[in-house]
Amino acid sequence: MEISDLQALIEKMYSDKDRARGTAATFLWLCEEVGELAAALREGTKEEQAAEFADVIAWLVTLANINDIDLTGALHKKYGEGCPGCGHFICTCDAKP
């Protein structure tokens, strides 16, 4: 599934609820899902980890949708020409990770 397909799917399934909930409450849901992912990475099975990764992505997409952000466009603009820092496709930045 492409990111644009996921954005469209989430928009179709949940847009009324998501927009009614708003940005602040949706961001809190995203944070909760990131916490669940952290727990799954610490002690969960691969299946549980995969489900939590999917939840985090879905809530991030939801947040983008209610804020009218095209994630495909945003990703391409930020990373489509290489590393945002050095401009290379294999990063040569001197900054520590």
PDB file of N, CA and C in Angstrom:
ATOM      1  N   MET A   1       0.842  -1.177   0.000  1.00  0.00           N
ATOM      2  CA  MET A   1       0.000   0.000   0.000  1.00  0.00           C
ATOM      3  C   MET A   1       0.892   1.246   0.000  1.00  0.00           C
ATOM      4  N   GLU A   2       0.588   2.159  -0.876  1.00  0.00           N
ATOM      5  CA  GLU A   2       1.310   3.435  -0.925  1.00  0.00           C
ATOM      6  C   GLU A   2       0.796   4.369   0.178  1.00  0.00           C
ATOM      7  N   ILE A   3       1.618   5.310   0.585  1.00  0.00           N
ATOM      8  CA  ILE A   3       1.205   6.257   1.625  1.00  0.00           C
ATOM      9  C   ILE A   3      -0.037   7.023   1.198  1.00  0.00           C
ATOM     10  N   SER A   4      -0.096   7.429  -0.055  1.00  0.00           N
ATOM     11  CA  SER A   4      -1.275   8.169  -0.526  1.00  0.00           C
ATOM     12  C   SER A   4      -2.528   7.304  -0.463  1.00  0.00           C
ATOM     13  N   ASP A   5      -2.386   6.004  -0.738  1.00  0.00           N
ATOM     14  CA  ASP A   5      -3.525   5.091  -0.624  1.00  0.00           C
ATOM     15  C   ASP A   5      -3.987   4.990   0.825  1.00  0.00           C
ATOM     16  N   LEU A   6      -3.034   4.897   1.749  1.00  0.00           N
ATOM     17  CA  LEU A   6      -3.380   4.825   3.162  1.00  0.00           C
ATOM     18  C   LEU A   6      -4.065   6.106   3.612  1.00  0.00           C
ATOM     19  N   GLN A   7      -3.557   7.249   3.176  1.00  0.00           N
ATOM     20  CA  GLN A   7      -4.195   8.515   3.553  1.00  0.00           C
ATOM     21  C   GLN A   7      -5.631   8.565   3.061  1.00  0.00           C
ATOM     22  N   ALA A   8      -5.858   8.124   1.842  1.00  0.00           N
ATOM     23  CA  ALA A   8      -7.213   8.120   1.282  1.00  0.00           C
ATOM     24  C   ALA A   8      -8.107   7.133   2.032  1.00  0.00           C
ATOM     25  N   LEU A   9      -7.587   5.969   2.363  1.00  0.00           N
ATOM     26  CA  LEU A   9      -8.361   4.968   3.082  1.00  0.00           C
ATOM     27  C   LEU A   9      -8.769   5.464   4.465  1.00  0.00           C
ATOM     28  N   ILE A  10      -7.810   6.009   5.204  1.00  0.00           N
ATOM     29  CA  ILE A  10      -8.095   6.536   6.542  1.00  0.00           C
ATOM     30  C   ILE A  10      -9.092   7.687   6.450  1.00  0.00           C
ATOM     31  N   GLU A  11      -8.934   8.536   5.448  1.00  0.00           N
ATOM     32  CA  GLU A  11      -9.864   9.653   5.250  1.00  0.00           C
ATOM     33  C   GLU A  11     -11.273   9.129   5.015  1.00  0.00           C
ATOM     34  N   LYS A  12     -11.393   8.120   4.167  1.00  0.00           N
ATOM     35  CA  LYS A  12     -12.711   7.553   3.850  1.00  0.00           C
ATOM     36  C   LYS A  12     -13.342   6.894   5.072  1.00  0.00           C
ATOM     37  N   MET A  13     -12.563   6.149   5.815  1.00  0.00           N
ATOM     38  CA  MET A  13     -13.108   5.401   6.955  1.00  0.00           C
ATOM     39  C   MET A  13     -13.431   6.271   8.162  1.00  0.00           C
ATOM     40  N   TYR A  14     -12.594   7.258   8.437  1.00  0.00           N
ATOM     41  CA  TYR A  14     -12.673   7.932   9.736  1.00  0.00           C
ATOM     42  C   TYR A  14     -12.775   9.457   9.703  1.00  0.00           C
ATOM     43  N   SER A  15     -12.849  10.081   8.551  1.00  0.00           N
ATOM     44  CA  SER A  15     -12.675  11.534   8.482  1.00  0.00           C
ATOM     45  C   SER A  15     -13.630  12.323   9.374  1.00  0.00           C
ATOM     46  N   ASP A  16     -14.901  11.941   9.423  1.00  0.00           N
ATOM     47  CA  ASP A  16     -15.841  12.703  10.256  1.00  0.00           C
ATOM     48  C   ASP A  16     -15.454  12.643  11.730  1.00  0.00           C
ATOM     49  N   LYS A  17     -15.161  11.449  12.219  1.00  0.00           N
ATOM     50  CA  LYS A  17     -14.741  11.290  13.621  1.00  0.00           C
ATOM     51  C   LYS A  17     -13.434  12.033  13.884  1.00  0.00           C
ATOM     52  N   ASP A  18     -12.483  11.876  12.958  1.00  0.00           N
ATOM     53  CA  ASP A  18     -11.162  12.470  13.157  1.00  0.00           C
ATOM     54  C   ASP A  18     -11.230  13.988  13.218  1.00  0.00           C
ATOM     55  N   ARG A  19     -11.959  14.581  12.297  1.00  0.00           N
ATOM     56  CA  ARG A  19     -12.055  16.050  12.277  1.00  0.00           C
ATOM     57  C   ARG A  19     -12.810  16.563  13.494  1.00  0.00           C
ATOM     58  N   ALA A  20     -13.814  15.808  13.954  1.00  0.00           N
ATOM     59  CA  ALA A  20     -14.547  16.211  15.156  1.00  0.00           C
ATOM     60  C   ALA A  20     -13.659  16.140  16.396  1.00  0.00           C
ATOM     61  N   ARG A  21     -12.770  15.158  16.444  1.00  0.00           N
ATOM     62  CA  ARG A  21     -11.862  14.996  17.572  1.00  0.00           C
ATOM     63  C   ARG A  21     -10.845  16.128  17.615  1.00  0.00           C
ATOM     64  N   GLY A  22     -10.359  16.543  16.457  1.00  0.00           N
ATOM     65  CA  GLY A  22      -9.419  17.645  16.370  1.00  0.00           C
ATOM     66  C   GLY A  22      -7.958  17.240  16.531  1.00  0.00           C
ATOM     67  N   THR A  23      -7.109  18.213  16.287  1.00  0.00           N
ATOM     68  CA  THR A  23      -5.672  17.977  16.287  1.00  0.00           C
ATOM     69  C   THR A  23      -5.130  17.598  17.655  1.00  0.00           C
ATOM     70  N   ALA A  24      -5.481  18.321  18.684  1.00  0.00           N
ATOM     71  CA  ALA A  24      -4.899  18.076  20.013  1.00  0.00           C
ATOM     72  C   ALA A  24      -5.216  16.672  20.515  1.00  0.00           C
ATOM     73  N   ALA A  25      -6.473  16.267  20.454  1.00  0.00           N
ATOM     74  CA  ALA A  25      -6.854  14.937  20.935  1.00  0.00           C
ATOM     75  C   ALA A  25      -6.265  13.842  20.055  1.00  0.00           C
ATOM     76  N   THR A  26      -6.183  14.094  18.763  1.00  0.00           N
ATOM     77  CA  THR A  26      -5.595  13.109  17.855  1.00  0.00           C
ATOM     78  C   THR A  26      -4.115  12.952  18.139  1.00  0.00           C
ATOM     79  N   PHE A  27      -3.439  14.047  18.427  1.00  0.00           N
ATOM     80  CA  PHE A  27      -2.014  13.972  18.775  1.00  0.00           C
ATOM     81  C   PHE A  27      -1.812  13.134  20.040  1.00  0.00           C
ATOM     82  N   LEU A  28      -2.703  13.282  21.010  1.00  0.00           N
ATOM     83  CA  LEU A  28      -2.599  12.481  22.230  1.00  0.00           C
ATOM     84  C   LEU A  28      -2.769  10.994  21.919  1.00  0.00           C
ATOM     85  N   TRP A  29      -3.697  10.657  20.999  1.00  0.00           N
ATOM     86  CA  TRP A  29      -3.862   9.263  20.587  1.00  0.00           C
ATOM     87  C   TRP A  29      -2.582   8.749  19.938  1.00  0.00           C
ATOM     88  N   LEU A  30      -1.972   9.576  19.094  1.00  0.00           N
ATOM     89  CA  LEU A  30      -0.708   9.185  18.460  1.00  0.00           C
ATOM     90  C   LEU A  30       0.354   8.904  19.521  1.00  0.00           C
ATOM     91  N   CYS A  31       0.453   9.778  20.506  1.00  0.00           N
ATOM     92  CA  CYS A  31       1.443   9.593  21.580  1.00  0.00           C
ATOM     93  C   CYS A  31       1.184   8.297  22.343  1.00  0.00           C
ATOM     94  N   GLU A  32      -0.075   8.006  22.603  1.00  0.00           N
ATOM     95  CA  GLU A  32      -0.423   6.757  23.289  1.00  0.00           C
ATOM     96  C   GLU A  32       0.016   5.552  22.459  1.00  0.00           C
ATOM     97  N   GLU A  33      -0.215   5.623  21.168  1.00  0.00           N
ATOM     98  CA  GLU A  33       0.190   4.518  20.293  1.00  0.00           C
ATOM     99  C   GLU A  33       1.711   4.369  20.238  1.00  0.00           C
ATOM    100  N   VAL A  34       2.429   5.475  20.274  1.00  0.00           N
ATOM    101  CA  VAL A  34       3.897   5.401  20.313  1.00  0.00           C
ATOM    102  C   VAL A  34       4.337   4.709  21.609  1.00  0.00           C
ATOM    103  N   GLY A  35       3.667   4.996  22.710  1.00  0.00           N
ATOM    104  CA  GLY A  35       3.963   4.313  23.975  1.00  0.00           C
ATOM    105  C   GLY A  35       3.695   2.820  23.883  1.00  0.00           C
ATOM    106  N   GLU A  36       2.602   2.442  23.237  1.00  0.00           N
ATOM    107  CA  GLU A  36       2.297   1.024  23.056  1.00  0.00           C
ATOM    108  C   GLU A  36       3.335   0.357  22.159  1.00  0.00           C
ATOM    109  N   LEU A  37       3.823   1.076  21.156  1.00  0.00           N
ATOM    110  CA  LEU A  37       4.883   0.542  20.306  1.00  0.00           C
ATOM    111  C   LEU A  37       6.158   0.331  21.126  1.00  0.00           C
ATOM    112  N   ALA A  38       6.482   1.285  21.982  1.00  0.00           N
ATOM    113  CA  ALA A  38       7.668   1.153  22.829  1.00  0.00           C
ATOM    114  C   ALA A  38       7.574  -0.106  23.693  1.00  0.00           C
ATOM    115  N   ALA A  39       6.413  -0.343  24.279  1.00  0.00           N
ATOM    116  CA  ALA A  39       6.226  -1.540  25.103  1.00  0.00           C
ATOM    117  C   ALA A  39       6.358  -2.809  24.261  1.00  0.00           C
ATOM    118  N   ALA A  40       5.784  -2.794  23.070  1.00  0.00           N
ATOM    119  CA  ALA A  40       5.871  -3.965  22.188  1.00  0.00           C
ATOM    120  C   ALA A  40       7.309  -4.221  21.752  1.00  0.00           C
ATOM    121  N   LEU A  41       8.073  -3.171  21.505  1.00  0.00           N
ATOM    122  CA  LEU A  41       9.467  -3.342  21.120  1.00  0.00           C
ATOM    123  C   LEU A  41      10.298  -3.922  22.263  1.00  0.00           C
ATOM    124  N   ARG A  42       9.926  -3.567  23.490  1.00  0.00           N
ATOM    125  CA  ARG A  42      10.638  -4.072  24.659  1.00  0.00           C
ATOM    126  C   ARG A  42      10.343  -5.542  24.912  1.00  0.00           C
ATOM    127  N   GLU A  43       9.067  -5.909  24.817  1.00  0.00           N
ATOM    128  CA  GLU A  43       8.718  -7.260  25.270  1.00  0.00           C
ATOM    129  C   GLU A  43       7.660  -7.955  24.429  1.00  0.00           C
ATOM    130  N   GLY A  44       7.275  -7.387  23.319  1.00  0.00           N
ATOM    131  CA  GLY A  44       6.228  -7.986  22.503  1.00  0.00           C
ATOM    132  C   GLY A  44       6.764  -8.941  21.451  1.00  0.00           C
ATOM    133  N   THR A  45       5.840  -9.673  20.879  1.00  0.00           N
ATOM    134  CA  THR A  45       6.182 -10.560  19.772  1.00  0.00           C
ATOM    135  C   THR A  45       6.319  -9.731  18.497  1.00  0.00           C
ATOM    136  N   LYS A  46       6.865 -10.326  17.456  1.00  0.00           N
ATOM    137  CA  LYS A  46       6.958  -9.632  16.163  1.00  0.00           C
ATOM    138  C   LYS A  46       5.564  -9.247  15.678  1.00  0.00           C
ATOM    139  N   GLU A  47       4.587 -10.098  15.884  1.00  0.00           N
ATOM    140  CA  GLU A  47       3.209  -9.804  15.474  1.00  0.00           C
ATOM    141  C   GLU A  47       2.658  -8.590  16.220  1.00  0.00           C
ATOM    142  N   GLU A  48       2.896  -8.531  17.532  1.00  0.00           N
ATOM    143  CA  GLU A  48       2.449  -7.388  18.325  1.00  0.00           C
ATOM    144  C   GLU A  48       3.179  -6.110  17.905  1.00  0.00           C
ATOM    145  N   GLN A  49       4.472  -6.229  17.639  1.00  0.00           N
ATOM    146  CA  GLN A  49       5.245  -5.080  17.186  1.00  0.00           C
ATOM    147  C   GLN A  49       4.709  -4.567  15.854  1.00  0.00           C
ATOM    148  N   ALA A  50       4.448  -5.473  14.925  1.00  0.00           N
ATOM    149  CA  ALA A  50       3.936  -5.078  13.613  1.00  0.00           C
ATOM    150  C   ALA A  50       2.601  -4.357  13.744  1.00  0.00           C
ATOM    151  N   ALA A  51       1.723  -4.857  14.609  1.00  0.00           N
ATOM    152  CA  ALA A  51       0.418  -4.219  14.814  1.00  0.00           C
ATOM    153  C   ALA A  51       0.577  -2.814  15.385  1.00  0.00           C
ATOM    154  N   GLU A  52       1.521  -2.636  16.299  1.00  0.00           N
ATOM    155  CA  GLU A  52       1.729  -1.311  16.895  1.00  0.00           C
ATOM    156  C   GLU A  52       2.370  -0.346  15.897  1.00  0.00           C
ATOM    157  N   PHE A  53       3.286  -0.835  15.058  1.00  0.00           N
ATOM    158  CA  PHE A  53       3.819   0.022  13.995  1.00  0.00           C
ATOM    159  C   PHE A  53       2.677   0.494  13.101  1.00  0.00           C
ATOM    160  N   ALA A  54       1.779  -0.411  12.750  1.00  0.00           N
ATOM    161  CA  ALA A  54       0.641  -0.052  11.895  1.00  0.00           C
ATOM    162  C   ALA A  54      -0.240   0.996  12.573  1.00  0.00           C
ATOM    163  N   ASP A  55      -0.479   0.838  13.872  1.00  0.00           N
ATOM    164  CA  ASP A  55      -1.296   1.814  14.600  1.00  0.00           C
ATOM    165  C   ASP A  55      -0.641   3.194  14.613  1.00  0.00           C
ATOM    166  N   VAL A  56       0.668   3.234  14.850  1.00  0.00           N
ATOM    167  CA  VAL A  56       1.378   4.520  14.878  1.00  0.00           C
ATOM    168  C   VAL A  56       1.264   5.205  13.519  1.00  0.00           C
ATOM    169  N   ILE A  57       1.478   4.450  12.464  1.00  0.00           N
ATOM    170  CA  ILE A  57       1.381   5.041  11.123  1.00  0.00           C
ATOM    171  C   ILE A  57      -0.043   5.523  10.847  1.00  0.00           C
ATOM    172  N   ALA A  58      -1.037   4.729  11.233  1.00  0.00           N
ATOM    173  CA  ALA A  58      -2.432   5.124  10.997  1.00  0.00           C
ATOM    174  C   ALA A  58      -2.774   6.421  11.728  1.00  0.00           C
ATOM    175  N   TRP A  59      -2.338   6.558  12.975  1.00  0.00           N
ATOM    176  CA  TRP A  59      -2.637   7.780  13.723  1.00  0.00           C
ATOM    177  C   TRP A  59      -1.838   8.971  13.188  1.00  0.00           C
ATOM    178  N   LEU A  60      -0.631   8.744  12.708  1.00  0.00           N
ATOM    179  CA  LEU A  60       0.136   9.819  12.084  1.00  0.00           C
ATOM    180  C   LEU A  60      -0.557  10.293  10.807  1.00  0.00           C
ATOM    181  N   VAL A  61      -1.040   9.340  10.021  1.00  0.00           N
ATOM    182  CA  VAL A  61      -1.790   9.673   8.800  1.00  0.00           C
ATOM    183  C   VAL A  61      -3.055  10.449   9.157  1.00  0.00           C
ATOM    184  N   THR A  62      -3.736  10.016  10.205  1.00  0.00           N
ATOM    185  CA  THR A  62      -4.936  10.726  10.651  1.00  0.00           C
ATOM    186  C   THR A  62      -4.617  12.175  10.992  1.00  0.00           C
ATOM    187  N   LEU A  63      -3.546  12.377  11.722  1.00  0.00           N
ATOM    188  CA  LEU A  63      -3.136  13.728  12.101  1.00  0.00           C
ATOM    189  C   LEU A  63      -2.819  14.563  10.865  1.00  0.00           C
ATOM    190  N   ALA A  64      -2.135  13.967   9.907  1.00  0.00           N
ATOM    191  CA  ALA A  64      -1.856  14.678   8.652  1.00  0.00           C
ATOM    192  C   ALA A  64      -3.153  15.017   7.929  1.00  0.00           C
ATOM    193  N   ASN A  65      -4.073  14.071   7.866  1.00  0.00           N
ATOM    194  CA  ASN A  65      -5.334  14.308   7.158  1.00  0.00           C
ATOM    195  C   ASN A  65      -6.111  15.479   7.750  1.00  0.00           C
ATOM    196  N   ILE A  66      -6.244  15.501   9.068  1.00  0.00           N
ATOM    197  CA  ILE A  66      -7.067  16.563   9.654  1.00  0.00           C
ATOM    198  C   ILE A  66      -6.372  17.924   9.604  1.00  0.00           C
ATOM    199  N   ASN A  67      -5.091  17.907   9.275  1.00  0.00           N
ATOM    200  CA  ASN A  67      -4.358  19.160   9.102  1.00  0.00           C
ATOM    201  C   ASN A  67      -4.046  19.446   7.636  1.00  0.00           C
ATOM    202  N   ASP A  68      -4.717  18.696   6.748  1.00  0.00           N
ATOM    203  CA  ASP A  68      -4.594  18.894   5.293  1.00  0.00           C
ATOM    204  C   ASP A  68      -3.149  18.844   4.797  1.00  0.00           C
ATOM    205  N   ILE A  69      -2.417  17.841   5.271  1.00  0.00           N
ATOM    206  CA  ILE A  69      -1.029  17.625   4.846  1.00  0.00           C
ATOM    207  C   ILE A  69      -0.987  16.402   3.944  1.00  0.00           C
ATOM    208  N   ASP A  70      -0.448  16.557   2.759  1.00  0.00           N
ATOM    209  CA  ASP A  70      -0.214  15.451   1.842  1.00  0.00           C
ATOM    210  C   ASP A  70       1.133  14.845   2.212  1.00  0.00           C
ATOM    211  N   LEU A  71       1.095  13.679   2.851  1.00  0.00           N
ATOM    212  CA  LEU A  71       2.339  13.079   3.331  1.00  0.00           C
ATOM    213  C   LEU A  71       3.275  12.683   2.202  1.00  0.00           C
ATOM    214  N   THR A  72       2.734  12.200   1.103  1.00  0.00           N
ATOM    215  CA  THR A  72       3.595  11.844  -0.023  1.00  0.00           C
ATOM    216  C   THR A  72       4.366  13.066  -0.497  1.00  0.00           C
ATOM    217  N   GLY A  73       3.668  14.171  -0.657  1.00  0.00           N
ATOM    218  CA  GLY A  73       4.322  15.407  -1.078  1.00  0.00           C
ATOM    219  C   GLY A  73       5.321  15.910  -0.053  1.00  0.00           C
ATOM    220  N   ALA A  74       4.946  15.832   1.222  1.00  0.00           N
ATOM    221  CA  ALA A  74       5.836  16.297   2.283  1.00  0.00           C
ATOM    222  C   ALA A  74       7.111  15.457   2.346  1.00  0.00           C
ATOM    223  N   LEU A  75       6.955  14.142   2.218  1.00  0.00           N
ATOM    224  CA  LEU A  75       8.119  13.258   2.250  1.00  0.00           C
ATOM    225  C   LEU A  75       9.023  13.485   1.048  1.00  0.00           C
ATOM    226  N   HIS A  76       8.403  13.627  -0.111  1.00  0.00           N
ATOM    227  CA  HIS A  76       9.209  13.866  -1.308  1.00  0.00           C
ATOM    228  C   HIS A  76       9.975  15.190  -1.202  1.00  0.00           C
ATOM    229  N   LYS A  77       9.280  16.224  -0.731  1.00  0.00           N
ATOM    230  CA  LYS A  77       9.923  17.534  -0.608  1.00  0.00           C
ATOM    231  C   LYS A  77      11.084  17.486   0.390  1.00  0.00           C
ATOM    232  N   LYS A  78      10.908  16.779   1.499  1.00  0.00           N
ATOM    233  CA  LYS A  78      11.936  16.752   2.548  1.00  0.00           C
ATOM    234  C   LYS A  78      13.068  15.769   2.240  1.00  0.00           C
ATOM    235  N   TYR A  79      12.733  14.586   1.686  1.00  0.00           N
ATOM    236  CA  TYR A  79      13.734  13.538   1.521  1.00  0.00           C
ATOM    237  C   TYR A  79      13.936  13.070   0.084  1.00  0.00           C
ATOM    238  N   GLY A  80      13.163  13.577  -0.846  1.00  0.00           N
ATOM    239  CA  GLY A  80      13.212  13.099  -2.228  1.00  0.00           C
ATOM    240  C   GLY A  80      14.477  13.419  -2.983  1.00  0.00           C
ATOM    241  N   GLU A  81      15.228  14.389  -2.507  1.00  0.00           N
ATOM    242  CA  GLU A  81      16.479  14.762  -3.168  1.00  0.00           C
ATOM    243  C   GLU A  81      17.694  14.364  -2.344  1.00  0.00           C
ATOM    244  N   GLY A  82      17.482  13.513  -1.337  1.00  0.00           N
ATOM    245  CA  GLY A  82      18.579  13.074  -0.480  1.00  0.00           C
ATOM    246  C   GLY A  82      18.433  13.584   0.936  1.00  0.00           C
ATOM    247  N   CYS A  83      19.471  13.413   1.699  1.00  0.00           N
ATOM    248  CA  CYS A  83      19.491  13.844   3.097  1.00  0.00           C
ATOM    249  C   CYS A  83      19.221  15.351   3.170  1.00  0.00           C
ATOM    250  N   PRO A  84      18.288  15.770   4.039  1.00  0.00           N
ATOM    251  CA  PRO A  84      18.030  17.207   4.171  1.00  0.00           C
ATOM    252  C   PRO A  84      19.245  18.002   4.645  1.00  0.00           C
ATOM    253  N   GLY A  85      20.181  17.345   5.312  1.00  0.00           N
ATOM    254  CA  GLY A  85      21.362  18.039   5.819  1.00  0.00           C
ATOM    255  C   GLY A  85      22.455  18.224   4.787  1.00  0.00           C
ATOM    256  N   CYS A  86      22.827  17.112   4.127  1.00  0.00           N
ATOM    257  CA  CYS A  86      23.966  17.175   3.204  1.00  0.00           C
ATOM    258  C   CYS A  86      23.567  17.079   1.737  1.00  0.00           C
ATOM    259  N   GLY A  87      22.326  16.651   1.470  1.00  0.00           N
ATOM    260  CA  GLY A  87      21.858  16.553   0.099  1.00  0.00           C
ATOM    261  C   GLY A  87      22.248  15.272  -0.623  1.00  0.00           C
ATOM    262  N   HIS A  88      22.950  14.379   0.038  1.00  0.00           N
ATOM    263  CA  HIS A  88      23.364  13.123  -0.589  1.00  0.00           C
ATOM    264  C   HIS A  88      22.367  12.007  -0.270  1.00  0.00           C
ATOM    265  N   PHE A  89      22.281  11.022  -1.155  1.00  0.00           N
ATOM    266  CA  PHE A  89      21.395   9.891  -0.890  1.00  0.00           C
ATOM    267  C   PHE A  89      21.992   8.931   0.125  1.00  0.00           C
ATOM    268  N   ILE A  90      23.279   8.945   0.288  1.00  0.00           N
ATOM    269  CA  ILE A  90      23.916   8.258   1.410  1.00  0.00           C
ATOM    270  C   ILE A  90      24.514   9.372   2.266  1.00  0.00           C
ATOM    271  N   CYS A  91      23.892   9.561   3.413  1.00  0.00           N
ATOM    272  CA  CYS A  91      24.203  10.705   4.276  1.00  0.00           C
ATOM    273  C   CYS A  91      25.684  10.779   4.614  1.00  0.00           C
ATOM    274  N   THR A  92      26.217  11.988   4.450  1.00  0.00           N
ATOM    275  CA  THR A  92      27.611  12.252   4.834  1.00  0.00           C
ATOM    276  C   THR A  92      27.703  13.335   5.904  1.00  0.00           C
ATOM    277  N   CYS A  93      26.589  13.613   6.549  1.00  0.00           N
ATOM    278  CA  CYS A  93      26.580  14.621   7.621  1.00  0.00           C
ATOM    279  C   CYS A  93      27.540  14.224   8.724  1.00  0.00           C
ATOM    280  N   ASP A  94      28.181  15.216   9.305  1.00  0.00           N
ATOM    281  CA  ASP A  94      29.116  14.966  10.400  1.00  0.00           C
ATOM    282  C   ASP A  94      28.423  14.870  11.748  1.00  0.00           C
ATOM    283  N   ALA A  95      27.138  15.262  11.818  1.00  0.00           N
ATOM    284  CA  ALA A  95      26.414  15.265  13.098  1.00  0.00           C
ATOM    285  C   ALA A  95      26.273  13.848  13.621  1.00  0.00           C
ATOM    286  N   LYS A  96      26.332  13.703  14.932  1.00  0.00           N
ATOM    287  CA  LYS A  96      26.157  12.405  15.574  1.00  0.00           C
ATOM    288  C   LYS A  96      24.667  12.045  15.532  1.00  0.00           C
ATOM    289  N   PRO A  97      24.371  10.729  15.481  1.00  0.00           N
ATOM    290  CA  PRO A  97      22.960  10.304  15.429  1.00  0.00           C
ATOM    291  C   PRO A  97      22.152  10.687  16.635  1.00  0.00           C
TER     292      PRO A  97
END
